[in-house]
PDB file of all heavy atoms in Angstrom:
ATOM      1  N   SER A   1     -49.183  48.222  67.650  1.00  0.00           N
ATOM      2  CA  SER A   1     -47.808  48.736  67.750  1.00  0.00           C
ATOM      3  C   SER A   1     -47.472  49.028  69.230  1.00  0.00           C
ATOM      4  O   SER A   1     -48.207  49.749  69.919  1.00  0.00           O
ATOM      5  CB  SER A   1     -47.663  49.984  66.907  1.00  0.00           C
ATOM      6  OG  SER A   1     -46.310  50.421  66.899  1.00  0.00           O
ATOM      7  N   LEU A   2     -46.376  48.486  69.641  1.00  0.00           N
ATOM      8  CA  LEU A   2     -45.895  48.704  71.008  1.00  0.00           C
ATOM      9  C   LEU A   2     -45.177  49.977  71.100  1.00  0.00           C
ATOM     10  O   LEU A   2     -43.916  50.062  71.128  1.00  0.00           O
ATOM     11  CB  LEU A   2     -45.031  47.505  71.493  1.00  0.00           C
ATOM     12  CG  LEU A   2     -45.649  46.137  71.330  1.00  0.00           C
ATOM     13  CD1 LEU A   2     -44.714  45.069  71.799  1.00  0.00           C
ATOM     14  CD2 LEU A   2     -46.975  46.050  72.022  1.00  0.00           C
ATOM     15  N   GLY A   3     -45.936  51.080  71.124  1.00  0.00           N
ATOM     16  CA  GLY A   3     -45.346  52.484  71.097  1.00  0.00           C
ATOM     17  C   GLY A   3     -45.380  53.007  69.670  1.00  0.00           C
ATOM     18  O   GLY A   3     -45.675  52.237  68.729  1.00  0.00           O
ATOM     19  N   LYS A   4     -45.054  54.270  69.478  1.00  0.00           N
ATOM     20  CA  LYS A   4     -44.987  54.851  68.143  1.00  0.00           C
ATOM     21  C   LYS A   4     -43.842  55.922  68.033  1.00  0.00           C
ATOM     22  O   LYS A   4     -43.909  56.835  67.263  1.00  0.00           O
ATOM     23  CB  LYS A   4     -46.332  55.512  67.782  1.00  0.00           C
ATOM     24  CG  LYS A   4     -46.823  56.561  68.755  1.00  0.00           C
ATOM     25  CD  LYS A   4     -48.164  57.115  68.355  1.00  0.00           C
ATOM     26  CE  LYS A   4     -48.081  58.195  67.338  1.00  0.00           C
ATOM     27  NZ  LYS A   4     -49.384  58.817  67.105  1.00  0.00           N
ATOM     28  N   GLY A   5     -42.775  55.677  68.834  1.00  0.00           N
ATOM     29  CA  GLY A   5     -41.657  56.622  68.794  1.00  0.00           C
ATOM     30  C   GLY A   5     -41.018  56.710  67.418  1.00  0.00           C
ATOM     31  O   GLY A   5     -40.978  55.683  66.700  1.00  0.00           O
ATOM     32  N   ARG A   6     -40.506  57.799  67.093  1.00  0.00           N
ATOM     33  CA  ARG A   6     -39.830  58.029  65.794  1.00  0.00           C
ATOM     34  C   ARG A   6     -38.419  57.560  65.845  1.00  0.00           C
ATOM     35  O   ARG A   6     -37.891  56.952  64.893  1.00  0.00           O
ATOM     36  CB  ARG A   6     -39.869  59.506  65.376  1.00  0.00           C
ATOM     37  CG  ARG A   6     -41.294  60.007  65.080  1.00  0.00           C
ATOM     38  CD  ARG A   6     -41.303  61.464  64.736  1.00  0.00           C
ATOM     39  NE  ARG A   6     -40.844  62.273  65.918  1.00  0.00           N
ATOM     40  CZ  ARG A   6     -40.428  63.512  65.830  1.00  0.00           C
ATOM     41  NH1 ARG A   6     -40.365  64.128  64.669  1.00  0.00           N
ATOM     42  NH2 ARG A   6     -40.066  64.173  66.907  1.00  0.00           N
ATOM     43  N   TYR A   7     -37.724  57.904  66.964  1.00  0.00           N
ATOM     44  CA  TYR A   7     -36.316  57.516  67.088  1.00  0.00           C
ATOM     45  C   TYR A   7     -35.951  57.559  68.543  1.00  0.00           C
ATOM     46  O   TYR A   7     -36.668  58.121  69.353  1.00  0.00           O
ATOM     47  CB  TYR A   7     -35.370  58.419  66.289  1.00  0.00           C
ATOM     48  CG  TYR A   7     -35.519  59.899  66.560  1.00  0.00           C
ATOM     49  CD1 TYR A   7     -34.831  60.476  67.599  1.00  0.00           C
ATOM     50  CD2 TYR A   7     -36.395  60.713  65.812  1.00  0.00           C
ATOM     51  CE1 TYR A   7     -34.965  61.836  67.882  1.00  0.00           C
ATOM     52  CE2 TYR A   7     -36.542  62.056  66.068  1.00  0.00           C
ATOM     53  CZ  TYR A   7     -35.826  62.625  67.113  1.00  0.00           C
ATOM     54  OH  TYR A   7     -35.999  63.929  67.401  1.00  0.00           O
ATOM     55  N   TYR A   8     -34.837  56.976  68.874  1.00  0.00           N
ATOM     56  CA  TYR A   8     -34.305  57.025  70.293  1.00  0.00           C
ATOM     57  C   TYR A   8     -32.813  57.097  70.173  1.00  0.00           C
ATOM     58  O   TYR A   8     -32.219  56.980  69.099  1.00  0.00           O
ATOM     59  CB  TYR A   8     -34.750  55.771  71.102  1.00  0.00           C
ATOM     60  CG  TYR A   8     -34.299  54.452  70.478  1.00  0.00           C
ATOM     61  CD1 TYR A   8     -33.164  53.812  70.890  1.00  0.00           C
ATOM     62  CD2 TYR A   8     -35.114  53.829  69.591  1.00  0.00           C
ATOM     63  CE1 TYR A   8     -32.765  52.622  70.366  1.00  0.00           C
ATOM     64  CE2 TYR A   8     -34.802  52.584  69.007  1.00  0.00           C
ATOM     65  CZ  TYR A   8     -33.595  51.957  69.395  1.00  0.00           C
ATOM     66  OH  TYR A   8     -33.218  50.763  68.871  1.00  0.00           O
ATOM     67  N   LYS A   9     -32.166  57.369  71.315  1.00  0.00           N
ATOM     68  CA  LYS A   9     -30.709  57.555  71.295  1.00  0.00           C
ATOM     69  C   LYS A   9     -30.053  56.350  71.928  1.00  0.00           C
ATOM     70  O   LYS A   9     -30.419  55.910  73.008  1.00  0.00           O
ATOM     71  CB  LYS A   9     -30.330  58.823  72.077  1.00  0.00           C
ATOM     72  CG  LYS A   9     -28.816  59.070  72.063  1.00  0.00           C
ATOM     73  CD  LYS A   9     -28.468  60.227  72.930  1.00  0.00           C
ATOM     74  CE  LYS A   9     -26.881  60.488  72.993  1.00  0.00           C
ATOM     75  NZ  LYS A   9     -26.508  61.499  73.956  1.00  0.00           N
ATOM     76  N   GLU A  10     -28.977  55.906  71.266  1.00  0.00           N
ATOM     77  CA  GLU A  10     -28.071  54.917  71.903  1.00  0.00           C
ATOM     78  C   GLU A  10     -26.704  55.567  72.022  1.00  0.00           C
ATOM     79  O   GLU A  10     -26.531  56.680  71.565  1.00  0.00           O
ATOM     80  CB  GLU A  10     -28.002  53.619  71.013  1.00  0.00           C
ATOM     81  CG  GLU A  10     -29.251  52.822  71.127  1.00  0.00           C
ATOM     82  CD  GLU A  10     -29.084  51.349  70.732  1.00  0.00           C
ATOM     83  OE1 GLU A  10     -28.095  50.995  70.011  1.00  0.00           O
ATOM     84  OE2 GLU A  10     -29.934  50.518  71.089  1.00  0.00           O
ATOM     85  N   THR A  11     -25.769  54.876  72.608  1.00  0.00           N
ATOM     86  CA  THR A  11     -24.470  55.460  72.871  1.00  0.00           C
ATOM     87  C   THR A  11     -23.762  55.865  71.577  1.00  0.00           C
ATOM     88  O   THR A  11     -22.865  56.770  71.573  1.00  0.00           O
ATOM     89  CB  THR A  11     -23.604  54.540  73.657  1.00  0.00           C
ATOM     90  OG1 THR A  11     -23.564  53.232  73.045  1.00  0.00           O
ATOM     91  CG2 THR A  11     -24.165  54.382  75.103  1.00  0.00           C
ATOM     92  N   ASP A  12     -24.127  55.244  70.433  1.00  0.00           N
ATOM     93  CA  ASP A  12     -23.434  55.531  69.206  1.00  0.00           C
ATOM     94  C   ASP A  12     -24.234  56.439  68.276  1.00  0.00           C
ATOM     95  O   ASP A  12     -23.897  56.638  67.110  1.00  0.00           O
ATOM     96  CB  ASP A  12     -23.004  54.239  68.416  1.00  0.00           C
ATOM     97  CG  ASP A  12     -24.216  53.379  68.073  1.00  0.00           C
ATOM     98  OD1 ASP A  12     -25.319  53.619  68.578  1.00  0.00           O
ATOM     99  OD2 ASP A  12     -24.009  52.462  67.255  1.00  0.00           O
ATOM    100  N   GLY A  13     -25.383  56.950  68.791  1.00  0.00           N
ATOM    101  CA  GLY A  13     -26.152  57.893  68.033  1.00  0.00           C
ATOM    102  C   GLY A  13     -27.662  57.545  67.988  1.00  0.00           C
ATOM    103  O   GLY A  13     -28.105  56.630  68.676  1.00  0.00           O
ATOM    104  N   LEU A  14     -28.441  58.297  67.199  1.00  0.00           N
ATOM    105  CA  LEU A  14     -29.877  58.089  67.104  1.00  0.00           C
ATOM    106  C   LEU A  14     -30.220  56.842  66.285  1.00  0.00           C
ATOM    107  O   LEU A  14     -29.549  56.507  65.326  1.00  0.00           O
ATOM    108  CB  LEU A  14     -30.498  59.307  66.501  1.00  0.00           C
ATOM    109  CG  LEU A  14     -30.363  60.650  67.237  1.00  0.00           C
ATOM    110  CD1 LEU A  14     -30.995  61.773  66.496  1.00  0.00           C
ATOM    111  CD2 LEU A  14     -31.008  60.512  68.631  1.00  0.00           C
ATOM    112  N   LYS A  15     -31.290  56.155  66.660  1.00  0.00           N
ATOM    113  CA  LYS A  15     -31.753  54.945  65.957  1.00  0.00           C
ATOM    114  C   LYS A  15     -33.231  55.067  65.571  1.00  0.00           C
ATOM    115  O   LYS A  15     -34.022  55.578  66.427  1.00  0.00           O
ATOM    116  CB  LYS A  15     -31.553  53.735  66.841  1.00  0.00           C
ATOM    117  CG  LYS A  15     -30.091  53.501  67.253  1.00  0.00           C
ATOM    118  CD  LYS A  15     -29.197  53.045  66.135  1.00  0.00           C
ATOM    119  CE  LYS A  15     -27.777  52.853  66.545  1.00  0.00           C
ATOM    120  NZ  LYS A  15     -27.591  51.623  67.325  1.00  0.00           N
ATOM    121  N   LEU A  16     -33.616  54.550  64.458  1.00  0.00           N
ATOM    122  CA  LEU A  16     -35.054  54.548  64.125  1.00  0.00           C
ATOM    123  C   LEU A  16     -35.833  53.722  65.137  1.00  0.00           C
ATOM    124  O   LEU A  16     -35.369  52.629  65.507  1.00  0.00           O
ATOM    125  CB  LEU A  16     -35.267  53.919  62.714  1.00  0.00           C
ATOM    126  CG  LEU A  16     -35.040  54.836  61.518  1.00  0.00           C
ATOM    127  CD1 LEU A  16     -35.213  53.991  60.218  1.00  0.00           C
ATOM    128  CD2 LEU A  16     -36.020  55.989  61.487  1.00  0.00           C
ATOM    129  N   ASP A  17     -37.025  54.163  65.538  1.00  0.00           N
ATOM    130  CA  ASP A  17     -37.885  53.473  66.491  1.00  0.00           C
ATOM    131  C   ASP A  17     -39.041  52.822  65.736  1.00  0.00           C
ATOM    132  O   ASP A  17     -39.215  52.971  64.525  1.00  0.00           O
ATOM    133  CB  ASP A  17     -38.293  54.435  67.559  1.00  0.00           C
ATOM    134  CG  ASP A  17     -38.670  53.728  68.826  1.00  0.00           C
ATOM    135  OD1 ASP A  17     -38.711  52.498  68.895  1.00  0.00           O
ATOM    136  OD2 ASP A  17     -38.915  54.437  69.839  1.00  0.00           O
ATOM    137  N   VAL A  18     -39.869  52.126  66.517  1.00  0.00           N
ATOM    138  CA  VAL A  18     -40.898  51.322  65.986  1.00  0.00           C
ATOM    139  C   VAL A  18     -41.949  52.140  65.120  1.00  0.00           C
ATOM    140  O   VAL A  18     -42.533  51.685  64.226  1.00  0.00           O
ATOM    141  CB  VAL A  18     -41.648  50.543  67.125  1.00  0.00           C
ATOM    142  CG1 VAL A  18     -42.336  51.461  68.062  1.00  0.00           C
ATOM    143  CG2 VAL A  18     -42.668  49.561  66.555  1.00  0.00           C
ATOM    144  N   GLY A  19     -42.099  53.413  65.466  1.00  0.00           N
ATOM    145  CA  GLY A  19     -43.076  54.268  64.848  1.00  0.00           C
ATOM    146  C   GLY A  19     -42.868  54.383  63.332  1.00  0.00           C
ATOM    147  O   GLY A  19     -43.805  54.446  62.521  1.00  0.00           O
ATOM    148  N   ALA A  20     -41.601  54.382  62.915  1.00  0.00           N
ATOM    149  CA  ALA A  20     -41.298  54.506  61.504  1.00  0.00           C
ATOM    150  C   ALA A  20     -41.760  53.281  60.726  1.00  0.00           C
ATOM    151  O   ALA A  20     -42.325  53.431  59.616  1.00  0.00           O
ATOM    152  CB  ALA A  20     -39.724  54.645  61.305  1.00  0.00           C
ATOM    153  N   TYR A  21     -41.608  52.114  61.333  1.00  0.00           N
ATOM    154  CA  TYR A  21     -42.046  50.839  60.663  1.00  0.00           C
ATOM    155  C   TYR A  21     -43.596  50.720  60.768  1.00  0.00           C
ATOM    156  O   TYR A  21     -44.221  50.180  59.852  1.00  0.00           O
ATOM    157  CB  TYR A  21     -41.358  49.658  61.271  1.00  0.00           C
ATOM    158  CG  TYR A  21     -39.859  49.815  61.209  1.00  0.00           C
ATOM    159  CD1 TYR A  21     -39.150  50.332  62.294  1.00  0.00           C
ATOM    160  CD2 TYR A  21     -39.152  49.420  60.070  1.00  0.00           C
ATOM    161  CE1 TYR A  21     -37.758  50.473  62.227  1.00  0.00           C
ATOM    162  CE2 TYR A  21     -37.786  49.533  59.981  1.00  0.00           C
ATOM    163  CZ  TYR A  21     -37.088  50.082  61.074  1.00  0.00           C
ATOM    164  OH  TYR A  21     -35.710  50.196  60.950  1.00  0.00           O
ATOM    165  N   MET A  22     -44.135  51.228  61.885  1.00  0.00           N
ATOM    166  CA  MET A  22     -45.562  51.188  62.024  1.00  0.00           C
ATOM    167  C   MET A  22     -46.267  52.036  60.907  1.00  0.00           C
ATOM    168  O   MET A  22     -47.232  51.609  60.274  1.00  0.00           O
ATOM    169  CB  MET A  22     -45.974  51.827  63.379  1.00  0.00           C
ATOM    170  CG  MET A  22     -47.454  51.942  63.595  1.00  0.00           C
ATOM    171  SD  MET A  22     -47.861  53.016  65.020  1.00  0.00           S
ATOM    172  CE  MET A  22     -47.788  54.652  64.169  1.00  0.00           C
ATOM    173  N   LYS A  23     -45.660  53.200  60.604  1.00  0.00           N
ATOM    174  CA  LYS A  23     -46.214  54.071  59.545  1.00  0.00           C
ATOM    175  C   LYS A  23     -46.106  53.413  58.235  1.00  0.00           C
ATOM    176  O   LYS A  23     -47.019  53.606  57.366  1.00  0.00           O
ATOM    177  CB  LYS A  23     -45.476  55.453  59.585  1.00  0.00           C
ATOM    178  CG  LYS A  23     -45.820  56.345  60.725  1.00  0.00           C
ATOM    179  CD  LYS A  23     -47.283  56.780  60.664  1.00  0.00           C
ATOM    180  CE  LYS A  23     -47.646  57.778  61.743  1.00  0.00           C
ATOM    181  NZ  LYS A  23     -49.090  58.213  61.681  1.00  0.00           N
ATOM    182  N   ALA A  24     -45.027  52.683  57.984  1.00  0.00           N
ATOM    183  CA  ALA A  24     -44.873  51.970  56.671  1.00  0.00           C
ATOM    184  C   ALA A  24     -45.982  50.989  56.465  1.00  0.00           C
ATOM    185  O   ALA A  24     -46.588  50.881  55.367  1.00  0.00           O
ATOM    186  CB  ALA A  24     -43.519  51.360  56.581  1.00  0.00           C
ATOM    187  N   LEU A  25     -46.297  50.193  57.508  1.00  0.00           N
ATOM    188  CA  LEU A  25     -47.326  49.162  57.400  1.00  0.00           C
ATOM    189  C   LEU A  25     -48.723  49.797  57.330  1.00  0.00           C
ATOM    190  O   LEU A  25     -49.620  49.356  56.621  1.00  0.00           O
ATOM    191  CB  LEU A  25     -47.312  48.183  58.557  1.00  0.00           C
ATOM    192  CG  LEU A  25     -46.030  47.236  58.534  1.00  0.00           C
ATOM    193  CD1 LEU A  25     -45.926  46.399  59.812  1.00  0.00           C
ATOM    194  CD2 LEU A  25     -46.101  46.304  57.309  1.00  0.00           C
ATOM    195  N   GLU A  26     -48.915  50.883  58.066  1.00  0.00           N
ATOM    196  CA  GLU A  26     -50.195  51.608  57.981  1.00  0.00           C
ATOM    197  C   GLU A  26     -50.431  52.082  56.534  1.00  0.00           C
ATOM    198  O   GLU A  26     -51.534  51.889  55.988  1.00  0.00           O
ATOM    199  CB  GLU A  26     -50.166  52.868  58.901  1.00  0.00           C
ATOM    200  CG  GLU A  26     -50.409  52.535  60.341  1.00  0.00           C
ATOM    201  CD  GLU A  26     -50.475  53.839  61.201  1.00  0.00           C
ATOM    202  OE1 GLU A  26     -49.894  54.845  60.794  1.00  0.00           O
ATOM    203  OE2 GLU A  26     -51.235  53.828  62.233  1.00  0.00           O
ATOM    204  N   TYR A  27     -49.444  52.629  55.956  1.00  0.00           N
ATOM    205  CA  TYR A  27     -49.568  53.179  54.618  1.00  0.00           C
ATOM    206  C   TYR A  27     -49.773  52.085  53.601  1.00  0.00           C
ATOM    207  O   TYR A  27     -50.678  52.120  52.718  1.00  0.00           O
ATOM    208  CB  TYR A  27     -48.264  53.972  54.222  1.00  0.00           C
ATOM    209  CG  TYR A  27     -48.288  54.530  52.812  1.00  0.00           C
ATOM    210  CD1 TYR A  27     -49.113  55.567  52.448  1.00  0.00           C
ATOM    211  CD2 TYR A  27     -47.387  54.010  51.870  1.00  0.00           C
ATOM    212  CE1 TYR A  27     -49.125  56.064  51.190  1.00  0.00           C
ATOM    213  CE2 TYR A  27     -47.403  54.478  50.595  1.00  0.00           C
ATOM    214  CZ  TYR A  27     -48.257  55.512  50.254  1.00  0.00           C
ATOM    215  OH  TYR A  27     -48.249  56.040  48.922  1.00  0.00           O
ATOM    216  N   ALA A  28     -49.001  50.991  53.681  1.00  0.00           N
ATOM    217  CA  ALA A  28     -49.075  49.903  52.689  1.00  0.00           C
ATOM    218  C   ALA A  28     -50.400  49.166  52.796  1.00  0.00           C
ATOM    219  O   ALA A  28     -50.965  48.702  51.784  1.00  0.00           O
ATOM    220  CB  ALA A  28     -47.904  48.937  52.928  1.00  0.00           C
ATOM    221  N   CYS A  29     -50.954  48.987  54.017  1.00  0.00           N
ATOM    222  CA  CYS A  29     -52.150  48.210  54.253  1.00  0.00           C
ATOM    223  C   CYS A  29     -53.383  49.035  54.445  1.00  0.00           C
ATOM    224  O   CYS A  29     -54.503  48.454  54.597  1.00  0.00           O
ATOM    225  CB  CYS A  29     -51.964  47.344  55.426  1.00  0.00           C
ATOM    226  SG  CYS A  29     -50.523  46.202  55.281  1.00  0.00           S
ATOM    227  N   ASP A  30     -53.270  50.360  54.382  1.00  0.00           N
ATOM    228  CA  ASP A  30     -54.417  51.231  54.617  1.00  0.00           C
ATOM    229  C   ASP A  30     -55.161  50.926  55.881  1.00  0.00           C
ATOM    230  O   ASP A  30     -56.342  50.717  55.928  1.00  0.00           O
ATOM    231  CB  ASP A  30     -55.370  51.195  53.429  1.00  0.00           C
ATOM    232  CG  ASP A  30     -56.416  52.303  53.381  1.00  0.00           C
ATOM    233  OD1 ASP A  30     -56.113  53.421  54.080  1.00  0.00           O
ATOM    234  OD2 ASP A  30     -57.494  52.196  52.792  1.00  0.00           O
ATOM    235  N   VAL A  31     -54.344  50.817  56.935  1.00  0.00           N
ATOM    236  CA  VAL A  31     -54.937  50.494  58.278  1.00  0.00           C
ATOM    237  C   VAL A  31     -54.315  51.458  59.302  1.00  0.00           C
ATOM    238  O   VAL A  31     -53.274  52.008  59.088  1.00  0.00           O
ATOM    239  CB  VAL A  31     -54.515  49.048  58.653  1.00  0.00           C
ATOM    240  CG1 VAL A  31     -52.972  48.849  58.720  1.00  0.00           C
ATOM    241  CG2 VAL A  31     -55.154  48.545  59.924  1.00  0.00           C
ATOM    242  N   GLN A  32     -55.100  51.714  60.344  1.00  0.00           N
ATOM    243  CA  GLN A  32     -54.573  52.534  61.429  1.00  0.00           C
ATOM    244  C   GLN A  32     -54.193  51.610  62.616  1.00  0.00           C
ATOM    245  O   GLN A  32     -55.004  50.868  63.109  1.00  0.00           O
ATOM    246  CB  GLN A  32     -55.578  53.557  61.890  1.00  0.00           C
ATOM    247  CG  GLN A  32     -55.062  54.512  62.945  1.00  0.00           C
ATOM    248  CD  GLN A  32     -56.014  55.669  63.273  1.00  0.00           C
ATOM    249  OE1 GLN A  32     -56.942  55.865  62.524  1.00  0.00           O
ATOM    250  NE2 GLN A  32     -55.705  56.404  64.286  1.00  0.00           N
TER     251      GLN A  32
END
């Protein structure tokens, strides 16, 4: 995973970051 941020800010508000999707794949595949 290229980083593990939870969210970041853009001019129109907060956005989900890569860490949220990383956690989903970790959970589904039982991998760290």
